[in-house]
Each structure stands twice: as structure tokens, then as C-alpha cells.
Amino acid sequence: SAHAKKSLITDPNLSSRCRELLKVRKHKIKVKQKGVAMVRRIESLLEKTDIRKKTAIKKLDFILNRTNQELRLVSYQIDNLEEEIVRNGCPGIRI
């Protein structure tokens, strides 16, 4: 019985799967952080852009909307990864 518990915790398949999920989650979080920084820069550019430069404002607005869409997608992917990490019962993981 004690051996069975030990083998569950140190199961190489579980730990490699957990490592992979955590690696992907870490990458997605970095992507999200970069996206948030980009949104801030675009918003700042929009505030500083002369109102008469309609083409520039239109392009910046398009890029802002596209970036926000990507951020929503990445956030959704992070949520799904976190749920999968919890479902897999990865040991010692705090989310």
C-alpha cells in the first residue's frame, strides 16, 4: 500500500505531463503580459495621435481591437490549462 502511494506521486507520465502543462501555461502568461503591455502602448499612441490623422487612428484602433481579441483568447487558454492542471492533480501546484 505504501509502495502504491509512492508510485502514484512519482509516476513519470504524470510528472512529465504536469511539467508540460506548466511550461505551456508559463509561456501563455508571458504572451498575455506582452499583449497587455502592447495594449497600453497602443492606447497611449491613440491618445497622442492628432485627431486629424484619421488613417493612423483607424489603423491603431484596428490593431488595438485585434490585440484585445488575442488577449481574450490567451486568457481563455490559460484558464483551460489551469483547469487541466487541477484535473490532472499535479502535486504541489499553486495557481
PDB file of N, CA and C in Angstrom:
ATOM      1  N   SER A   1       0.827  -1.198   0.000  1.00  0.00           N
ATOM      2  CA  SER A   1       0.000   0.000   0.000  1.00  0.00           C
ATOM      3  C   SER A   1       0.872   1.264   0.000  1.00  0.00           C
ATOM      4  N   ALA A   2       1.895   1.273   0.850  1.00  0.00           N
ATOM      5  CA  ALA A   2       2.786   2.429   0.890  1.00  0.00           C
ATOM      6  C   ALA A   2       3.523   2.560  -0.442  1.00  0.00           C
ATOM      7  N   HIS A   3       3.871   1.410  -1.037  1.00  0.00           N
ATOM      8  CA  HIS A   3       4.556   1.429  -2.328  1.00  0.00           C
ATOM      9  C   HIS A   3       3.630   1.991  -3.425  1.00  0.00           C
ATOM     10  N   ALA A   4       2.352   1.635  -3.359  1.00  0.00           N
ATOM     11  CA  ALA A   4       1.385   2.116  -4.347  1.00  0.00           C
ATOM     12  C   ALA A   4       1.261   3.637  -4.290  1.00  0.00           C
ATOM     13  N   LYS A   5       1.206   4.216  -3.088  1.00  0.00           N
ATOM     14  CA  LYS A   5       1.117   5.666  -2.956  1.00  0.00           C
ATOM     15  C   LYS A   5       2.365   6.338  -3.515  1.00  0.00           C
ATOM     16  N   LYS A   6       3.517   5.771  -3.213  1.00  0.00           N
ATOM     17  CA  LYS A   6       4.771   6.351  -3.687  1.00  0.00           C
ATOM     18  C   LYS A   6       4.820   6.340  -5.218  1.00  0.00           C
ATOM     19  N   SER A   7       4.382   5.242  -5.822  1.00  0.00           N
ATOM     20  CA  SER A   7       4.450   5.151  -7.275  1.00  0.00           C
ATOM     21  C   SER A   7       3.476   6.125  -7.940  1.00  0.00           C
ATOM     22  N   LEU A   8       2.352   6.439  -7.290  1.00  0.00           N
ATOM     23  CA  LEU A   8       1.415   7.408  -7.849  1.00  0.00           C
ATOM     24  C   LEU A   8       2.034   8.799  -7.897  1.00  0.00           C
ATOM     25  N   ILE A   9       2.707   9.166  -6.848  1.00  0.00           N
ATOM     26  CA  ILE A   9       3.294  10.505  -6.762  1.00  0.00           C
ATOM     27  C   ILE A   9       4.467  10.652  -7.724  1.00  0.00           C
ATOM     28  N   THR A  10       5.271   9.614  -7.873  1.00  0.00           N
ATOM     29  CA  THR A  10       6.469   9.710  -8.706  1.00  0.00           C
ATOM     30  C   THR A  10       6.259   9.125 -10.096  1.00  0.00           C
ATOM     31  N   ASP A  11       5.015   8.882 -10.479  1.00  0.00           N
ATOM     32  CA  ASP A  11       4.710   8.355 -11.804  1.00  0.00           C
ATOM     33  C   ASP A  11       5.304   9.290 -12.866  1.00  0.00           C
ATOM     34  N   PRO A  12       6.265   8.803 -13.669  1.00  0.00           N
ATOM     35  CA  PRO A  12       6.936   9.681 -14.635  1.00  0.00           C
ATOM     36  C   PRO A  12       5.995  10.261 -15.688  1.00  0.00           C
ATOM     37  N   ASN A  13       4.948   9.522 -16.050  1.00  0.00           N
ATOM     38  CA  ASN A  13       3.997  10.043 -17.033  1.00  0.00           C
ATOM     39  C   ASN A  13       3.230  11.232 -16.477  1.00  0.00           C
ATOM     40  N   LEU A  14       2.782  11.133 -15.240  1.00  0.00           N
ATOM     41  CA  LEU A  14       2.048  12.222 -14.614  1.00  0.00           C
ATOM     42  C   LEU A  14       2.947  13.441 -14.464  1.00  0.00           C
ATOM     43  N   SER A  15       4.154  13.233 -13.965  1.00  0.00           N
ATOM     44  CA  SER A  15       5.019  14.377 -13.729  1.00  0.00           C
ATOM     45  C   SER A  15       5.468  15.020 -15.043  1.00  0.00           C
ATOM     46  N   SER A  16       5.698  14.229 -16.093  1.00  0.00           N
ATOM     47  CA  SER A  16       6.093  14.834 -17.369  1.00  0.00           C
ATOM     48  C   SER A  16       4.910  15.598 -17.968  1.00  0.00           C
ATOM     49  N   ARG A  17       3.712  15.068 -17.812  1.00  0.00           N
ATOM     50  CA  ARG A  17       2.509  15.779 -18.295  1.00  0.00           C
ATOM     51  C   ARG A  17       2.318  17.078 -17.524  1.00  0.00           C
ATOM     52  N   CYS A  18       2.499  17.018 -16.217  1.00  0.00           N
ATOM     53  CA  CYS A  18       2.374  18.225 -15.389  1.00  0.00           C
ATOM     54  C   CYS A  18       3.425  19.255 -15.792  1.00  0.00           C
ATOM     55  N   ARG A  19       4.658  18.780 -15.997  1.00  0.00           N
ATOM     56  CA  ARG A  19       5.722  19.706 -16.410  1.00  0.00           C
ATOM     57  C   ARG A  19       5.376  20.383 -17.732  1.00  0.00           C
ATOM     58  N   GLU A  20       4.851  19.615 -18.670  1.00  0.00           N
ATOM     59  CA  GLU A  20       4.494  20.170 -19.976  1.00  0.00           C
ATOM     60  C   GLU A  20       3.358  21.188 -19.844  1.00  0.00           C
ATOM     61  N   LEU A  21       2.333  20.851 -19.065  1.00  0.00           N
ATOM     62  CA  LEU A  21       1.223  21.788 -18.857  1.00  0.00           C
ATOM     63  C   LEU A  21       1.718  23.086 -18.225  1.00  0.00           C
ATOM     64  N   LEU A  22       2.585  22.971 -17.233  1.00  0.00           N
ATOM     65  CA  LEU A  22       3.110  24.156 -16.552  1.00  0.00           C
ATOM     66  C   LEU A  22       3.984  24.990 -17.486  1.00  0.00           C
ATOM     67  N   LYS A  23       4.734  24.316 -18.343  1.00  0.00           N
ATOM     68  CA  LYS A  23       5.593  25.014 -19.304  1.00  0.00           C
ATOM     69  C   LYS A  23       4.732  25.820 -20.287  1.00  0.00           C
ATOM     70  N   VAL A  24       3.680  25.192 -20.792  1.00  0.00           N
ATOM     71  CA  VAL A  24       2.782  25.861 -21.732  1.00  0.00           C
ATOM     72  C   VAL A  24       2.085  27.032 -21.038  1.00  0.00           C
ATOM     73  N   ARG A  25       1.636  26.816 -19.795  1.00  0.00           N
ATOM     74  CA  ARG A  25       0.964  27.876 -19.035  1.00  0.00           C
ATOM     75  C   ARG A  25       1.896  29.060 -18.827  1.00  0.00           C
ATOM     76  N   LYS A  26       3.134  28.779 -18.466  1.00  0.00           N
ATOM     77  CA  LYS A  26       4.119  29.839 -18.243  1.00  0.00           C
ATOM     78  C   LYS A  26       4.325  30.652 -19.525  1.00  0.00           C
ATOM     79  N   HIS A  27       4.406  29.958 -20.664  1.00  0.00           N
ATOM     80  CA  HIS A  27       4.572  30.635 -21.956  1.00  0.00           C
ATOM     81  C   HIS A  27       3.359  31.520 -22.262  1.00  0.00           C
ATOM     82  N   LYS A  28       2.159  30.981 -22.046  1.00  0.00           N
ATOM     83  CA  LYS A  28       0.935  31.738 -22.329  1.00  0.00           C
ATOM     84  C   LYS A  28       0.840  32.979 -21.442  1.00  0.00           C
ATOM     85  N   ILE A  29       1.273  32.858 -20.194  1.00  0.00           N
ATOM     86  CA  ILE A  29       1.245  34.006 -19.285  1.00  0.00           C
ATOM     87  C   ILE A  29       2.200  35.089 -19.781  1.00  0.00           C
ATOM     88  N   LYS A  30       3.372  34.686 -20.281  1.00  0.00           N
ATOM     89  CA  LYS A  30       4.308  35.666 -20.846  1.00  0.00           C
ATOM     90  C   LYS A  30       3.697  36.359 -22.062  1.00  0.00           C
ATOM     91  N   VAL A  31       3.031  35.586 -22.919  1.00  0.00           N
ATOM     92  CA  VAL A  31       2.370  36.149 -24.097  1.00  0.00           C
ATOM     93  C   VAL A  31       1.307  37.153 -23.659  1.00  0.00           C
ATOM     94  N   LYS A  32       0.541  36.793 -22.631  1.00  0.00           N
ATOM     95  CA  LYS A  32      -0.506  37.682 -22.125  1.00  0.00           C
ATOM     96  C   LYS A  32       0.101  38.977 -21.590  1.00  0.00           C
ATOM     97  N   GLN A  33       1.185  38.873 -20.830  1.00  0.00           N
ATOM     98  CA  GLN A  33       1.834  40.067 -20.279  1.00  0.00           C
ATOM     99  C   GLN A  33       2.330  40.986 -21.396  1.00  0.00           C
ATOM    100  N   LYS A  34       2.899  40.400 -22.452  1.00  0.00           N
ATOM    101  CA  LYS A  34       3.363  41.205 -23.587  1.00  0.00           C
ATOM    102  C   LYS A  34       2.182  41.874 -24.285  1.00  0.00           C
ATOM    103  N   GLY A  35       1.079  41.135 -24.394  1.00  0.00           N
ATOM    104  CA  GLY A  35      -0.123  41.687 -25.021  1.00  0.00           C
ATOM    105  C   GLY A  35      -0.700  42.844 -24.239  1.00  0.00           C
ATOM    106  N   VAL A  36      -0.721  42.722 -22.916  1.00  0.00           N
ATOM    107  CA  VAL A  36      -1.220  43.807 -22.064  1.00  0.00           C
ATOM    108  C   VAL A  36      -0.342  45.047 -22.233  1.00  0.00           C
ATOM    109  N   ALA A  37       0.976  44.842 -22.270  1.00  0.00           N
ATOM    110  CA  ALA A  37       1.896  45.970 -22.470  1.00  0.00           C
ATOM    111  C   ALA A  37       1.664  46.616 -23.839  1.00  0.00           C
ATOM    112  N   MET A  38       1.400  45.788 -24.856  1.00  0.00           N
ATOM    113  CA  MET A  38       1.149  46.318 -26.194  1.00  0.00           C
ATOM    114  C   MET A  38      -0.134  47.145 -26.219  1.00  0.00           C
ATOM    115  N   VAL A  39      -1.175  46.660 -25.555  1.00  0.00           N
ATOM    116  CA  VAL A  39      -2.434  47.403 -25.493  1.00  0.00           C
ATOM    117  C   VAL A  39      -2.197  48.774 -24.859  1.00  0.00           C
ATOM    118  N   ARG A  40      -1.422  48.807 -23.789  1.00  0.00           N
ATOM    119  CA  ARG A  40      -1.121  50.095 -23.136  1.00  0.00           C
ATOM    120  C   ARG A  40      -0.394  51.042 -24.077  1.00  0.00           C
ATOM    121  N   ARG A  41       0.585  50.509 -24.830  1.00  0.00           N
ATOM    122  CA  ARG A  41       1.333  51.358 -25.779  1.00  0.00           C
ATOM    123  C   ARG A  41       0.414  51.880 -26.885  1.00  0.00           C
ATOM    124  N   ILE A  42      -0.453  51.017 -27.395  1.00  0.00           N
ATOM    125  CA  ILE A  42      -1.372  51.432 -28.461  1.00  0.00           C
ATOM    126  C   ILE A  42      -2.335  52.497 -27.943  1.00  0.00           C
ATOM    127  N   GLU A  43      -2.866  52.287 -26.740  1.00  0.00           N
ATOM    128  CA  GLU A  43      -3.778  53.284 -26.156  1.00  0.00           C
ATOM    129  C   GLU A  43      -3.069  54.616 -25.962  1.00  0.00           C
ATOM    130  N   SER A  44      -1.814  54.560 -25.540  1.00  0.00           N
ATOM    131  CA  SER A  44      -1.032  55.781 -25.370  1.00  0.00           C
ATOM    132  C   SER A  44      -0.827  56.483 -26.715  1.00  0.00           C
ATOM    133  N   LEU A  45      -0.519  55.697 -27.744  1.00  0.00           N
ATOM    134  CA  LEU A  45      -0.354  56.277 -29.085  1.00  0.00           C
ATOM    135  C   LEU A  45      -1.655  56.906 -29.579  1.00  0.00           C
ATOM    136  N   LEU A  46      -2.763  56.233 -29.311  1.00  0.00           N
ATOM    137  CA  LEU A  46      -4.057  56.776 -29.732  1.00  0.00           C
ATOM    138  C   LEU A  46      -4.328  58.123 -29.055  1.00  0.00           C
ATOM    139  N   GLU A  47      -3.980  58.222 -27.778  1.00  0.00           N
ATOM    140  CA  GLU A  47      -4.191  59.489 -27.058  1.00  0.00           C
ATOM    141  C   GLU A  47      -3.322  60.605 -27.614  1.00  0.00           C
ATOM    142  N   LYS A  48      -2.104  60.258 -28.048  1.00  0.00           N
ATOM    143  CA  LYS A  48      -1.146  61.267 -28.526  1.00  0.00           C
ATOM    144  C   LYS A  48      -1.314  61.609 -30.001  1.00  0.00           C
ATOM    145  N   THR A  49      -2.043  60.773 -30.747  1.00  0.00           N
ATOM    146  CA  THR A  49      -2.181  60.983 -32.184  1.00  0.00           C
ATOM    147  C   THR A  49      -3.162  62.114 -32.465  1.00  0.00           C
ATOM    148  N   ASP A  50      -2.741  62.998 -33.342  1.00  0.00           N
ATOM    149  CA  ASP A  50      -3.573  64.135 -33.753  1.00  0.00           C
ATOM    150  C   ASP A  50      -4.898  63.614 -34.318  1.00  0.00           C
ATOM    151  N   ILE A  51      -5.969  64.200 -33.869  1.00  0.00           N
ATOM    152  CA  ILE A  51      -7.320  63.773 -34.261  1.00  0.00           C
ATOM    153  C   ILE A  51      -7.513  63.851 -35.776  1.00  0.00           C
ATOM    154  N   ARG A  52      -6.738  64.707 -36.438  1.00  0.00           N
ATOM    155  CA  ARG A  52      -6.877  64.874 -37.890  1.00  0.00           C
ATOM    156  C   ARG A  52      -6.245  63.724 -38.668  1.00  0.00           C
ATOM    157  N   LYS A  53      -5.414  62.921 -38.012  1.00  0.00           N
ATOM    158  CA  LYS A  53      -4.759  61.793 -38.683  1.00  0.00           C
ATOM    159  C   LYS A  53      -5.664  60.551 -38.608  1.00  0.00           C
ATOM    160  N   LYS A  54      -6.735  60.630 -39.378  1.00  0.00           N
ATOM    161  CA  LYS A  54      -7.776  59.599 -39.323  1.00  0.00           C
ATOM    162  C   LYS A  54      -7.270  58.217 -39.723  1.00  0.00           C
ATOM    163  N   THR A  55      -6.401  58.141 -40.709  1.00  0.00           N
ATOM    164  CA  THR A  55      -5.890  56.843 -41.159  1.00  0.00           C
ATOM    165  C   THR A  55      -5.062  56.185 -40.059  1.00  0.00           C
ATOM    166  N   ALA A  56      -4.206  56.962 -39.418  1.00  0.00           N
ATOM    167  CA  ALA A  56      -3.372  56.429 -38.330  1.00  0.00           C
ATOM    168  C   ALA A  56      -4.250  55.959 -37.175  1.00  0.00           C
ATOM    169  N   ILE A  57      -5.251  56.752 -36.837  1.00  0.00           N
ATOM    170  CA  ILE A  57      -6.156  56.383 -35.745  1.00  0.00           C
ATOM    171  C   ILE A  57      -6.924  55.117 -36.096  1.00  0.00           C
ATOM    172  N   LYS A  58      -7.366  55.027 -37.346  1.00  0.00           N
ATOM    173  CA  LYS A  58      -8.117  53.841 -37.792  1.00  0.00           C
ATOM    174  C   LYS A  58      -7.245  52.585 -37.689  1.00  0.00           C
ATOM    175  N   LYS A  59      -5.987  52.699 -38.143  1.00  0.00           N
ATOM    176  CA  LYS A  59      -5.076  51.552 -38.079  1.00  0.00           C
ATOM    177  C   LYS A  59      -4.762  51.165 -36.642  1.00  0.00           C
ATOM    178  N   LEU A  60      -4.499  52.163 -35.805  1.00  0.00           N
ATOM    179  CA  LEU A  60      -4.209  51.880 -34.392  1.00  0.00           C
ATOM    180  C   LEU A  60      -5.409  51.239 -33.712  1.00  0.00           C
ATOM    181  N   ASP A  61      -6.593  51.724 -34.049  1.00  0.00           N
ATOM    182  CA  ASP A  61      -7.818  51.163 -33.469  1.00  0.00           C
ATOM    183  C   ASP A  61      -8.005  49.705 -33.895  1.00  0.00           C
ATOM    184  N   PHE A  62      -7.707  49.419 -35.169  1.00  0.00           N
ATOM    185  CA  PHE A  62      -7.798  48.043 -35.662  1.00  0.00           C
ATOM    186  C   PHE A  62      -6.813  47.147 -34.910  1.00  0.00           C
ATOM    187  N   ILE A  63      -5.572  47.616 -34.758  1.00  0.00           N
ATOM    188  CA  ILE A  63      -4.542  46.841 -34.061  1.00  0.00           C
ATOM    189  C   ILE A  63      -4.935  46.634 -32.600  1.00  0.00           C
ATOM    190  N   LEU A  64      -5.492  47.662 -31.983  1.00  0.00           N
ATOM    191  CA  LEU A  64      -5.939  47.560 -30.588  1.00  0.00           C
ATOM    192  C   LEU A  64      -7.030  46.497 -30.442  1.00  0.00           C
ATOM    193  N   ASN A  65      -8.013  46.521 -31.339  1.00  0.00           N
ATOM    194  CA  ASN A  65      -9.096  45.530 -31.277  1.00  0.00           C
ATOM    195  C   ASN A  65      -8.567  44.118 -31.496  1.00  0.00           C
ATOM    196  N   ARG A  66      -7.659  43.951 -32.458  1.00  0.00           N
ATOM    197  CA  ARG A  66      -7.088  42.644 -32.749  1.00  0.00           C
ATOM    198  C   ARG A  66      -6.285  42.135 -31.550  1.00  0.00           C
ATOM    199  N   THR A  67      -5.512  43.027 -30.936  1.00  0.00           N
ATOM    200  CA  THR A  67      -4.701  42.654 -29.774  1.00  0.00           C
ATOM    201  C   THR A  67      -5.594  42.268 -28.600  1.00  0.00           C
ATOM    202  N   ASN A  68      -6.670  43.005 -28.390  1.00  0.00           N
ATOM    203  CA  ASN A  68      -7.607  42.654 -27.317  1.00  0.00           C
ATOM    204  C   ASN A  68      -8.263  41.299 -27.560  1.00  0.00           C
ATOM    205  N   GLN A  69      -8.568  40.983 -28.824  1.00  0.00           N
ATOM    206  CA  GLN A  69      -9.118  39.661 -29.160  1.00  0.00           C
ATOM    207  C   GLN A  69      -8.114  38.564 -28.803  1.00  0.00           C
ATOM    208  N   GLU A  70      -6.859  38.784 -29.166  1.00  0.00           N
ATOM    209  CA  GLU A  70      -5.809  37.807 -28.865  1.00  0.00           C
ATOM    210  C   GLU A  70      -5.649  37.638 -27.350  1.00  0.00           C
ATOM    211  N   LEU A  71      -5.748  38.738 -26.615  1.00  0.00           N
ATOM    212  CA  LEU A  71      -5.640  38.665 -25.154  1.00  0.00           C
ATOM    213  C   LEU A  71      -6.769  37.837 -24.558  1.00  0.00           C
ATOM    214  N   ARG A  72      -7.979  38.031 -25.070  1.00  0.00           N
ATOM    215  CA  ARG A  72      -9.110  37.233 -24.583  1.00  0.00           C
ATOM    216  C   ARG A  72      -8.881  35.750 -24.861  1.00  0.00           C
ATOM    217  N   LEU A  73      -8.369  35.446 -26.048  1.00  0.00           N
ATOM    218  CA  LEU A  73      -8.098  34.054 -26.417  1.00  0.00           C
ATOM    219  C   LEU A  73      -7.029  33.449 -25.505  1.00  0.00           C
ATOM    220  N   VAL A  74      -5.947  34.176 -25.283  1.00  0.00           N
ATOM    221  CA  VAL A  74      -4.866  33.673 -24.432  1.00  0.00           C
ATOM    222  C   VAL A  74      -5.366  33.486 -23.002  1.00  0.00           C
ATOM    223  N   SER A  75      -6.179  34.416 -22.511  1.00  0.00           N
ATOM    224  CA  SER A  75      -6.740  34.283 -21.161  1.00  0.00           C
ATOM    225  C   SER A  75      -7.598  33.030 -21.047  1.00  0.00           C
ATOM    226  N   TYR A  76      -8.390  32.770 -22.082  1.00  0.00           N
ATOM    227  CA  TYR A  76      -9.225  31.574 -22.123  1.00  0.00           C
ATOM    228  C   TYR A  76      -8.347  30.316 -22.118  1.00  0.00           C
ATOM    229  N   GLN A  77      -7.266  30.346 -22.899  1.00  0.00           N
ATOM    230  CA  GLN A  77      -6.357  29.197 -22.956  1.00  0.00           C
ATOM    231  C   GLN A  77      -5.675  28.962 -21.608  1.00  0.00           C
ATOM    232  N   ILE A  78      -5.303  30.042 -20.928  1.00  0.00           N
ATOM    233  CA  ILE A  78      -4.681  29.916 -19.608  1.00  0.00           C
ATOM    234  C   ILE A  78      -5.668  29.296 -18.629  1.00  0.00           C
ATOM    235  N   ASP A  79      -6.917  29.770 -18.660  1.00  0.00           N
ATOM    236  CA  ASP A  79      -7.952  29.200 -17.780  1.00  0.00           C
ATOM    237  C   ASP A  79      -8.111  27.700 -18.036  1.00  0.00           C
ATOM    238  N   ASN A  80      -8.135  27.308 -19.310  1.00  0.00           N
ATOM    239  CA  ASN A  80      -8.282  25.891 -19.651  1.00  0.00           C
ATOM    240  C   ASN A  80      -7.085  25.082 -19.171  1.00  0.00           C
ATOM    241  N   LEU A  81      -5.890  25.633 -19.335  1.00  0.00           N
ATOM    242  CA  LEU A  81      -4.686  24.946 -18.860  1.00  0.00           C
ATOM    243  C   LEU A  81      -4.733  24.754 -17.349  1.00  0.00           C
ATOM    244  N   GLU A  82      -5.151  25.796 -16.633  1.00  0.00           N
ATOM    245  CA  GLU A  82      -5.220  25.707 -15.176  1.00  0.00           C
ATOM    246  C   GLU A  82      -6.226  24.652 -14.741  1.00  0.00           C
ATOM    247  N   GLU A  83      -7.352  24.584 -15.443  1.00  0.00           N
ATOM    248  CA  GLU A  83      -8.344  23.551 -15.128  1.00  0.00           C
ATOM    249  C   GLU A  83      -7.765  22.159 -15.382  1.00  0.00           C
ATOM    250  N   GLU A  84      -7.016  22.021 -16.464  1.00  0.00           N
ATOM    251  CA  GLU A  84      -6.417  20.725 -16.784  1.00  0.00           C
ATOM    252  C   GLU A  84      -5.350  20.345 -15.754  1.00  0.00           C
ATOM    253  N   ILE A  85      -4.591  21.324 -15.287  1.00  0.00           N
ATOM    254  CA  ILE A  85      -3.577  21.081 -14.259  1.00  0.00           C
ATOM    255  C   ILE A  85      -4.250  20.571 -12.981  1.00  0.00           C
ATOM    256  N   VAL A  86      -5.347  21.211 -12.611  1.00  0.00           N
ATOM    257  CA  VAL A  86      -6.085  20.792 -11.415  1.00  0.00           C
ATOM    258  C   VAL A  86      -6.671  19.396 -11.617  1.00  0.00           C
ATOM    259  N   ARG A  87      -7.270  19.155 -12.794  1.00  0.00           N
ATOM    260  CA  ARG A  87      -7.853  17.833 -13.079  1.00  0.00           C
ATOM    261  C   ARG A  87      -6.811  16.731 -13.048  1.00  0.00           C
ATOM    262  N   ASN A  88      -5.609  17.025 -13.541  1.00  0.00           N
ATOM    263  CA  ASN A  88      -4.533  16.030 -13.546  1.00  0.00           C
ATOM    264  C   ASN A  88      -3.949  15.824 -12.162  1.00  0.00           C
ATOM    265  N   GLY A  89      -4.306  16.681 -11.233  1.00  0.00           N
ATOM    266  CA  GLY A  89      -3.822  16.526  -9.872  1.00  0.00           C
ATOM    267  C   GLY A  89      -2.326  16.710  -9.765  1.00  0.00           C
ATOM    268  N   CYS A  90      -1.795  17.676 -10.485  1.00  0.00           N
ATOM    269  CA  CYS A  90      -0.348  17.916 -10.415  1.00  0.00           C
ATOM    270  C   CYS A  90       0.030  18.292  -8.980  1.00  0.00           C
ATOM    271  N   PRO A  91       0.963  17.556  -8.386  1.00  0.00           N
ATOM    272  CA  PRO A  91       1.307  17.773  -6.987  1.00  0.00           C
ATOM    273  C   PRO A  91       2.043  19.079  -6.754  1.00  0.00           C
ATOM    274  N   GLY A  92       1.716  19.739  -5.660  1.00  0.00           N
ATOM    275  CA  GLY A  92       2.415  20.928  -5.224  1.00  0.00           C
ATOM    276  C   GLY A  92       2.220  22.140  -6.133  1.00  0.00           C
ATOM    277  N   ILE A  93       1.148  22.170  -6.892  1.00  0.00           N
ATOM    278  CA  ILE A  93       0.921  23.267  -7.823  1.00  0.00           C
ATOM    279  C   ILE A  93      -0.044  24.267  -7.182  1.00  0.00           C
ATOM    280  N   ARG A  94       0.401  25.523  -7.126  1.00  0.00           N
ATOM    281  CA  ARG A  94      -0.470  26.597  -6.650  1.00  0.00           C
ATOM    282  C   ARG A  94      -0.767  27.514  -7.819  1.00  0.00           C
ATOM    283  N   ILE A  95      -2.043  27.731  -8.079  1.00  0.00           N
ATOM    284  CA  ILE A  95      -2.440  28.580  -9.222  1.00  0.00           C
ATOM    285  C   ILE A  95      -3.085  29.836  -8.691  1.00  0.00           C
TER     286      ILE A  95
END
